[in-house]
PDB file of N, CA and C in Angstrom:
ATOM      1  N   UNK A   1     -25.207  37.062  23.412  1.00  0.00           N
ATOM      2  CA  UNK A   1     -24.600  35.932  24.464  1.00  0.00           C
ATOM      3  C   UNK A   1     -23.428  35.352  23.781  1.00  0.00           C
ATOM      4  N   UNK A   2     -22.429  35.128  24.503  1.00  0.00           N
ATOM      5  CA  UNK A   2     -21.296  34.367  24.321  1.00  0.00           C
ATOM      6  C   UNK A   2     -21.745  32.670  24.806  1.00  0.00           C
ATOM      7  N   UNK A   3     -20.926  31.510  24.135  1.00  0.00           N
ATOM      8  CA  UNK A   3     -21.037  30.583  24.456  1.00  0.00           C
ATOM      9  C   UNK A   3     -20.989  29.793  25.480  1.00  0.00           C
ATOM     10  N   UNK A   4     -20.093  30.566  26.447  1.00  0.00           N
ATOM     11  CA  UNK A   4     -19.977  29.928  27.482  1.00  0.00           C
ATOM     12  C   UNK A   4     -20.808  29.928  28.699  1.00  0.00           C
ATOM     13  N   UNK A   5     -22.384  31.083  28.495  1.00  0.00           N
ATOM     14  CA  UNK A   5     -23.524  31.048  29.335  1.00  0.00           C
ATOM     15  C   UNK A   5     -24.418  30.307  28.659  1.00  0.00           C
ATOM     16  N   UNK A   6     -24.291  29.671  27.850  1.00  0.00           N
ATOM     17  CA  UNK A   6     -25.143  28.762  26.962  1.00  0.00           C
ATOM     18  C   UNK A   6     -25.363  27.430  28.495  1.00  0.00           C
ATOM     19  N   UNK A   7     -23.987  27.254  28.595  1.00  0.00           N
ATOM     20  CA  UNK A   7     -23.971  26.043  29.042  1.00  0.00           C
ATOM     21  C   UNK A   7     -23.564  26.121  31.149  1.00  0.00           C
ATOM     22  N   UNK A   8     -23.632  27.439  31.146  1.00  0.00           N
ATOM     23  CA  UNK A   8     -23.734  27.528  32.410  1.00  0.00           C
ATOM     24  C   UNK A   8     -24.880  26.593  33.868  1.00  0.00           C
ATOM     25  N   UNK A   9     -25.830  27.002  33.256  1.00  0.00           N
ATOM     26  CA  UNK A   9     -26.976  26.307  34.041  1.00  0.00           C
ATOM     27  C   UNK A   9     -26.932  24.501  34.098  1.00  0.00           C
ATOM     28  N   UNK A  10     -26.279  24.167  32.553  1.00  0.00           N
ATOM     29  CA  UNK A  10     -26.048  22.639  32.746  1.00  0.00           C
ATOM     30  C   UNK A  10     -25.253  22.314  33.230  1.00  0.00           C
ATOM     31  N   UNK A  11     -24.150  23.061  33.453  1.00  0.00           N
ATOM     32  CA  UNK A  11     -23.329  22.099  34.530  1.00  0.00           C
ATOM     33  C   UNK A  11     -23.507  22.605  35.983  1.00  0.00           C
ATOM     34  N   UNK A  12     -24.527  23.287  36.447  1.00  0.00           N
ATOM     35  CA  UNK A  12     -24.914  23.227  37.737  1.00  0.00           C
ATOM     36  C   UNK A  12     -25.756  21.977  38.281  1.00  0.00           C
ATOM     37  N   UNK A  13     -26.535  21.818  37.010  1.00  0.00           N
ATOM     38  CA  UNK A  13     -27.340  20.672  37.127  1.00  0.00           C
ATOM     39  C   UNK A  13     -26.746  19.392  37.021  1.00  0.00           C
ATOM     40  N   UNK A  14     -25.741  18.956  36.237  1.00  0.00           N
ATOM     41  CA  UNK A  14     -25.033  17.634  36.268  1.00  0.00           C
ATOM     42  C   UNK A  14     -23.954  17.555  37.575  1.00  0.00           C
ATOM     43  N   UNK A  15     -23.522  18.543  37.948  1.00  0.00           N
ATOM     44  CA  UNK A  15     -22.126  18.999  38.825  1.00  0.00           C
ATOM     45  C   UNK A  15     -22.327  17.657  39.821  1.00  0.00           C
ATOM     46  N   UNK A  16     -23.252  17.401  40.767  1.00  0.00           N
ATOM     47  CA  UNK A  16     -23.470  16.373  41.762  1.00  0.00           C
ATOM     48  C   UNK A  16     -23.166  14.653  41.129  1.00  0.00           C
ATOM     49  N   UNK A  17     -23.651  14.676  39.970  1.00  0.00           N
ATOM     50  CA  UNK A  17     -23.462  13.426  39.171  1.00  0.00           C
ATOM     51  C   UNK A  17     -22.180  12.987  38.641  1.00  0.00           C
ATOM     52  N   UNK A  18     -21.768  14.270  38.544  1.00  0.00           N
ATOM     53  CA  UNK A  18     -20.258  14.384  37.958  1.00  0.00           C
ATOM     54  C   UNK A  18     -19.465  13.974  38.964  1.00  0.00           C
ATOM     55  N   UNK A  19     -19.435  14.566  40.031  1.00  0.00           N
ATOM     56  CA  UNK A  19     -18.595  14.657  40.962  1.00  0.00           C
ATOM     57  C   UNK A  19     -18.789  12.907  41.703  1.00  0.00           C
ATOM     58  N   UNK A  20     -19.673  12.594  41.672  1.00  0.00           N
ATOM     59  CA  UNK A  20     -20.001  11.287  42.101  1.00  0.00           C
ATOM     60  C   UNK A  20     -19.414  10.138  41.642  1.00  0.00           C
ATOM     61  N   UNK A  21     -19.503  10.455  40.247  1.00  0.00           N
ATOM     62  CA  UNK A  21     -18.825   9.202  38.918  1.00  0.00           C
ATOM     63  C   UNK A  21     -17.497   9.410  39.576  1.00  0.00           C
ATOM     64  N   UNK A  22     -16.757  10.518  38.923  1.00  0.00           N
ATOM     65  CA  UNK A  22     -15.461  10.893  39.547  1.00  0.00           C
ATOM     66  C   UNK A  22     -14.711  10.138  40.702  1.00  0.00           C
ATOM     67  N   UNK A  23     -15.521  10.341  41.732  1.00  0.00           N
ATOM     68  CA  UNK A  23     -15.245   9.999  43.360  1.00  0.00           C
ATOM     69  C   UNK A  23     -15.175   8.541  43.108  1.00  0.00           C
ATOM     70  N   UNK A  24     -16.103   8.108  42.825  1.00  0.00           N
ATOM     71  CA  UNK A  24     -16.426   6.509  42.553  1.00  0.00           C
ATOM     72  C   UNK A  24     -15.468   5.590  41.923  1.00  0.00           C
ATOM     73  N   UNK A  25     -14.995   6.245  40.823  1.00  0.00           N
ATOM     74  CA  UNK A  25     -14.027   5.966  40.144  1.00  0.00           C
ATOM     75  C   UNK A  25     -12.786   5.513  40.799  1.00  0.00           C
ATOM     76  N   UNK A  26     -12.364   6.852  41.458  1.00  0.00           N
ATOM     77  CA  UNK A  26     -10.978   7.121  42.277  1.00  0.00           C
ATOM     78  C   UNK A  26     -10.885   6.588  43.118  1.00  0.00           C
ATOM     79  N   UNK A  27     -12.217   6.089  44.185  1.00  0.00           N
ATOM     80  CA  UNK A  27     -12.349   5.357  45.408  1.00  0.00           C
ATOM     81  C   UNK A  27     -12.092   3.688  44.963  1.00  0.00           C
ATOM     82  N   UNK A  28     -12.386   3.388  43.683  1.00  0.00           N
ATOM     83  CA  UNK A  28     -12.188   1.774  43.194  1.00  0.00           C
ATOM     84  C   UNK A  28     -10.913   2.140  43.034  1.00  0.00           C
ATOM     85  N   UNK A  29     -10.265   2.758  42.140  1.00  0.00           N
ATOM     86  CA  UNK A  29      -9.067   2.762  41.999  1.00  0.00           C
ATOM     87  C   UNK A  29      -8.041   2.478  42.708  1.00  0.00           C
ATOM     88  N   UNK A  30      -8.291   3.151  44.445  1.00  0.00           N
ATOM     89  CA  UNK A  30      -7.474   3.468  45.448  1.00  0.00           C
ATOM     90  C   UNK A  30      -7.745   2.302  46.441  1.00  0.00           C
ATOM     91  N   UNK A  31      -8.771   1.558  46.128  1.00  0.00           N
ATOM     92  CA  UNK A  31      -9.052   0.204  46.764  1.00  0.00           C
ATOM     93  C   UNK A  31      -8.074  -0.937  46.016  1.00  0.00           C
ATOM     94  N   UNK A  32      -7.874  -0.915  44.954  1.00  0.00           N
ATOM     95  CA  UNK A  32      -7.306  -2.044  43.923  1.00  0.00           C
ATOM     96  C   UNK A  32      -5.652  -1.517  44.027  1.00  0.00           C
ATOM     97  N   UNK A  33      -5.631  -0.275  43.998  1.00  0.00           N
ATOM     98  CA  UNK A  33      -3.964  -0.405  44.033  1.00  0.00           C
ATOM     99  C   UNK A  33      -3.473  -0.405  45.778  1.00  0.00           C
ATOM    100  N   UNK A  34      -4.050  -0.085  46.363  1.00  0.00           N
ATOM    101  CA  UNK A  34      -3.700  -0.333  48.040  1.00  0.00           C
ATOM    102  C   UNK A  34      -3.971  -1.025  48.921  1.00  0.00           C
ATOM    103  N   UNK A  35      -5.067  -1.941  48.539  1.00  0.00           N
ATOM    104  CA  UNK A  35      -6.073  -2.798  49.060  1.00  0.00           C
ATOM    105  C   UNK A  35      -5.167  -4.278  48.981  1.00  0.00           C
ATOM    106  N   UNK A  36      -4.007  -4.640  48.765  1.00  0.00           N
ATOM    107  CA  UNK A  36      -3.938  -6.214  48.409  1.00  0.00           C
ATOM    108  C   UNK A  36      -3.649  -6.566  50.033  1.00  0.00           C
ATOM    109  N   UNK A  37      -4.111  -8.043  50.076  1.00  0.00           N
ATOM    110  CA  UNK A  37      -3.112  -8.807  51.059  1.00  0.00           C
ATOM    111  C   UNK A  37      -2.254  -9.663  50.500  1.00  0.00           C
ATOM    112  N   UNK A  38      -1.121  -9.756  50.920  1.00  0.00           N
ATOM    113  CA  UNK A  38       0.032 -10.820  50.942  1.00  0.00           C
ATOM    114  C   UNK A  38      -0.142 -12.400  50.432  1.00  0.00           C
ATOM    115  N   UNK A  39      -1.201 -12.436  51.547  1.00  0.00           N
ATOM    116  CA  UNK A  39      -1.640 -14.111  51.557  1.00  0.00           C
ATOM    117  C   UNK A  39      -2.509 -14.420  50.443  1.00  0.00           C
ATOM    118  N   UNK A  40      -3.598 -14.096  50.247  1.00  0.00           N
ATOM    119  CA  UNK A  40      -4.670 -13.539  49.483  1.00  0.00           C
ATOM    120  C   UNK A  40      -4.507 -13.201  47.782  1.00  0.00           C
ATOM    121  N   UNK A  41      -3.427 -11.933  48.081  1.00  0.00           N
ATOM    122  CA  UNK A  41      -2.995 -11.672  46.548  1.00  0.00           C
ATOM    123  C   UNK A  41      -4.378 -11.115  45.772  1.00  0.00           C
ATOM    124  N   UNK A  42      -5.421 -10.671  46.363  1.00  0.00           N
ATOM    125  CA  UNK A  42      -6.523 -10.124  45.482  1.00  0.00           C
ATOM    126  C   UNK A  42      -6.784  -8.590  46.714  1.00  0.00           C
ATOM    127  N   UNK A  43      -7.453  -7.917  45.525  1.00  0.00           N
ATOM    128  CA  UNK A  43      -7.640  -6.807  46.561  1.00  0.00           C
ATOM    129  C   UNK A  43      -8.876  -6.897  47.579  1.00  0.00           C
ATOM    130  N   UNK A  44      -8.546  -6.302  48.552  1.00  0.00           N
ATOM    131  CA  UNK A  44     -10.130  -6.335  49.426  1.00  0.00           C
ATOM    132  C   UNK A  44     -10.531  -5.070  49.959  1.00  0.00           C
ATOM    133  N   UNK A  45     -11.395  -4.889  50.444  1.00  0.00           N
ATOM    134  CA  UNK A  45     -12.406  -3.545  50.807  1.00  0.00           C
ATOM    135  C   UNK A  45     -11.797  -3.144  52.227  1.00  0.00           C
ATOM    136  N   UNK A  46     -10.978  -2.126  52.151  1.00  0.00           N
ATOM    137  CA  UNK A  46     -10.144  -1.375  53.284  1.00  0.00           C
ATOM    138  C   UNK A  46     -11.338  -0.403  54.022  1.00  0.00           C
ATOM    139  N   UNK A  47     -10.835  -0.416  55.009  1.00  0.00           N
ATOM    140  CA  UNK A  47     -11.153   0.444  56.265  1.00  0.00           C
ATOM    141  C   UNK A  47     -11.652   1.746  55.462  1.00  0.00           C
ATOM    142  N   UNK A  48     -10.548   2.170  55.232  1.00  0.00           N
ATOM    143  CA  UNK A  48     -10.216   3.569  54.736  1.00  0.00           C
ATOM    144  C   UNK A  48     -11.004   3.763  53.128  1.00  0.00           C
ATOM    145  N   UNK A  49     -11.300   3.097  52.647  1.00  0.00           N
ATOM    146  CA  UNK A  49     -12.274   3.117  51.132  1.00  0.00           C
ATOM    147  C   UNK A  49     -13.651   3.208  51.651  1.00  0.00           C
ATOM    148  N   UNK A  50     -13.884   2.698  53.014  1.00  0.00           N
ATOM    149  CA  UNK A  50     -15.350   2.820  53.034  1.00  0.00           C
ATOM    150  C   UNK A  50     -15.325   4.283  54.138  1.00  0.00           C
ATOM    151  N   UNK A  51     -14.310   4.804  54.628  1.00  0.00           N
ATOM    152  CA  UNK A  51     -14.503   6.275  54.981  1.00  0.00           C
ATOM    153  C   UNK A  51     -14.269   6.922  54.258  1.00  0.00           C
ATOM    154  N   UNK A  52     -13.438   6.860  53.183  1.00  0.00           N
ATOM    155  CA  UNK A  52     -13.626   7.876  51.488  1.00  0.00           C
ATOM    156  C   UNK A  52     -15.181   7.503  51.342  1.00  0.00           C
ATOM    157  N   UNK A  53     -15.561   6.463  51.093  1.00  0.00           N
ATOM    158  CA  UNK A  53     -16.679   6.341  50.331  1.00  0.00           C
ATOM    159  C   UNK A  53     -18.240   7.152  51.107  1.00  0.00           C
ATOM    160  N   UNK A  54     -18.154   7.432  52.517  1.00  0.00           N
ATOM    161  CA  UNK A  54     -19.242   7.989  53.756  1.00  0.00           C
ATOM    162  C   UNK A  54     -19.179   9.395  52.870  1.00  0.00           C
ATOM    163  N   UNK A  55     -17.463   9.830  53.071  1.00  0.00           N
ATOM    164  CA  UNK A  55     -17.211  11.431  52.958  1.00  0.00           C
ATOM    165  C   UNK A  55     -17.509  11.714  51.558  1.00  0.00           C
ATOM    166  N   UNK A  56     -17.776  10.953  50.446  1.00  0.00           N
ATOM    167  CA  UNK A  56     -18.122  11.463  48.747  1.00  0.00           C
ATOM    168  C   UNK A  56     -19.670  11.419  48.842  1.00  0.00           C
ATOM    169  N   UNK A  57     -20.630  10.367  49.821  1.00  0.00           N
ATOM    170  CA  UNK A  57     -21.667  10.690  49.823  1.00  0.00           C
ATOM    171  C   UNK A  57     -22.281  11.977  50.852  1.00  0.00           C
ATOM    172  N   UNK A  58     -21.664  12.284  51.684  1.00  0.00           N
ATOM    173  CA  UNK A  58     -22.059  13.253  52.119  1.00  0.00           C
ATOM    174  C   UNK A  58     -21.864  14.588  51.297  1.00  0.00           C
ATOM    175  N   UNK A  59     -20.405  14.918  50.555  1.00  0.00           N
ATOM    176  CA  UNK A  59     -20.188  15.705  49.986  1.00  0.00           C
ATOM    177  C   UNK A  59     -21.319  15.685  48.981  1.00  0.00           C
ATOM    178  N   UNK A  60     -21.908  15.038  47.942  1.00  0.00           N
ATOM    179  CA  UNK A  60     -22.381  14.753  46.925  1.00  0.00           C
ATOM    180  C   UNK A  60     -23.928  15.360  47.731  1.00  0.00           C
ATOM    181  N   UNK A  61     -24.121  14.806  48.762  1.00  0.00           N
ATOM    182  CA  UNK A  61     -25.692  15.244  49.291  1.00  0.00           C
ATOM    183  C   UNK A  61     -25.863  16.528  49.487  1.00  0.00           C
ATOM    184  N   UNK A  62     -24.245  17.071  49.902  1.00  0.00           N
ATOM    185  CA  UNK A  62     -24.516  18.665  50.312  1.00  0.00           C
ATOM    186  C   UNK A  62     -24.480  19.724  48.937  1.00  0.00           C
ATOM    187  N   UNK A  63     -23.853  18.713  48.071  1.00  0.00           N
ATOM    188  CA  UNK A  63     -23.911  19.715  46.625  1.00  0.00           C
ATOM    189  C   UNK A  63     -25.417  19.544  46.072  1.00  0.00           C
ATOM    190  N   UNK A  64     -26.012  18.395  46.289  1.00  0.00           N
ATOM    191  CA  UNK A  64     -27.544  18.253  45.965  1.00  0.00           C
ATOM    192  C   UNK A  64     -28.509  19.115  46.501  1.00  0.00           C
ATOM    193  N   UNK A  65     -28.125  19.159  47.714  1.00  0.00           N
ATOM    194  CA  UNK A  65     -29.203  20.451  48.923  1.00  0.00           C
ATOM    195  C   UNK A  65     -28.786  21.734  48.512  1.00  0.00           C
ATOM    196  N   UNK A  66     -27.459  21.831  48.388  1.00  0.00           N
ATOM    197  CA  UNK A  66     -27.319  23.459  48.016  1.00  0.00           C
ATOM    198  C   UNK A  66     -27.383  24.085  46.149  1.00  0.00           C
ATOM    199  N   UNK A  67     -27.873  22.847  45.406  1.00  0.00           N
ATOM    200  CA  UNK A  67     -27.914  23.073  44.540  1.00  0.00           C
ATOM    201  C   UNK A  67     -29.211  24.101  43.700  1.00  0.00           C
ATOM    202  N   UNK A  68     -29.015  25.470  43.410  1.00  0.00           N
ATOM    203  CA  UNK A  68     -30.098  26.750  43.331  1.00  0.00           C
ATOM    204  C   UNK A  68     -31.098  26.072  42.179  1.00  0.00           C
ATOM    205  N   UNK A  69     -30.693  24.846  41.357  1.00  0.00           N
ATOM    206  CA  UNK A  69     -31.921  24.685  40.588  1.00  0.00           C
ATOM    207  C   UNK A  69     -32.372  23.452  41.095  1.00  0.00           C
ATOM    208  N   UNK A  70     -33.578  22.842  41.191  1.00  0.00           N
ATOM    209  CA  UNK A  70     -33.988  22.046  41.788  1.00  0.00           C
ATOM    210  C   UNK A  70     -34.601  21.239  40.514  1.00  0.00           C
ATOM    211  N   UNK A  71     -34.887  21.839  39.434  1.00  0.00           N
ATOM    212  CA  UNK A  71     -35.633  21.017  38.573  1.00  0.00           C
ATOM    213  C   UNK A  71     -35.218  21.933  37.372  1.00  0.00           C
ATOM    214  N   UNK A  72     -35.111  20.915  36.440  1.00  0.00           N
ATOM    215  CA  UNK A  72     -34.781  21.574  34.662  1.00  0.00           C
ATOM    216  C   UNK A  72     -34.065  20.568  33.865  1.00  0.00           C
ATOM    217  N   UNK A  73     -34.093  21.017  32.538  1.00  0.00           N
ATOM    218  CA  UNK A  73     -32.990  20.404  31.312  1.00  0.00           C
ATOM    219  C   UNK A  73     -31.878  20.797  31.242  1.00  0.00           C
ATOM    220  N   UNK A  74     -31.073  19.777  30.811  1.00  0.00           N
ATOM    221  CA  UNK A  74     -30.014  19.957  30.759  1.00  0.00           C
ATOM    222  C   UNK A  74     -29.313  19.370  28.928  1.00  0.00           C
ATOM    223  N   UNK A  75     -28.441  20.302  28.424  1.00  0.00           N
ATOM    224  CA  UNK A  75     -27.627  19.500  27.325  1.00  0.00           C
ATOM    225  C   UNK A  75     -28.784  19.126  25.898  1.00  0.00           C
ATOM    226  N   UNK A  76     -29.847  20.056  25.825  1.00  0.00           N
ATOM    227  CA  UNK A  76     -30.971  19.998  24.516  1.00  0.00           C
ATOM    228  C   UNK A  76     -31.550  18.616  25.594  1.00  0.00           C
ATOM    229  N   UNK A  77     -32.389  18.750  26.242  1.00  0.00           N
ATOM    230  CA  UNK A  77     -33.368  17.790  26.592  1.00  0.00           C
ATOM    231  C   UNK A  77     -32.799  16.125  26.942  1.00  0.00           C
ATOM    232  N   UNK A  78     -31.681  15.963  27.252  1.00  0.00           N
ATOM    233  CA  UNK A  78     -31.107  14.731  27.022  1.00  0.00           C
ATOM    234  C   UNK A  78     -30.717  14.176  28.612  1.00  0.00           C
ATOM    235  N   UNK A  79     -30.867  15.484  29.427  1.00  0.00           N
ATOM    236  CA  UNK A  79     -30.399  15.236  31.012  1.00  0.00           C
ATOM    237  C   UNK A  79     -31.191  15.743  31.780  1.00  0.00           C
ATOM    238  N   UNK A  80     -32.412  15.307  32.484  1.00  0.00           N
ATOM    239  CA  UNK A  80     -33.583  15.515  32.987  1.00  0.00           C
ATOM    240  C   UNK A  80     -33.397  15.653  34.814  1.00  0.00           C
ATOM    241  N   UNK A  81     -33.349  16.687  35.591  1.00  0.00           N
ATOM    242  CA  UNK A  81     -33.244  16.568  37.140  1.00  0.00           C
ATOM    243  C   UNK A  81     -34.697  17.341  37.045  1.00  0.00           C
ATOM    244  N   UNK A  82     -35.448  16.779  37.890  1.00  0.00           N
ATOM    245  CA  UNK A  82     -36.561  16.416  38.632  1.00  0.00           C
ATOM    246  C   UNK A  82     -36.960  16.435  40.107  1.00  0.00           C
TER     247      UNK A  82
END
């Protein structure tokens, strides 16, 4: 058994959470860097960020629904999906 086979199911279990975390961080960065107003000089939540957020939630729900592993543990029982 090779080393990569040990973590194959672990990544399948954790993939929706990793995708959601990375997407939310990138949407926050997008909103902070592109959503400044000239009058108030602070970032505002723009309509584009809202659309991206809805798209991320749709993709995350798609990943959760199509995950072949419904329940299990990963990384030596440190992460539990049930």
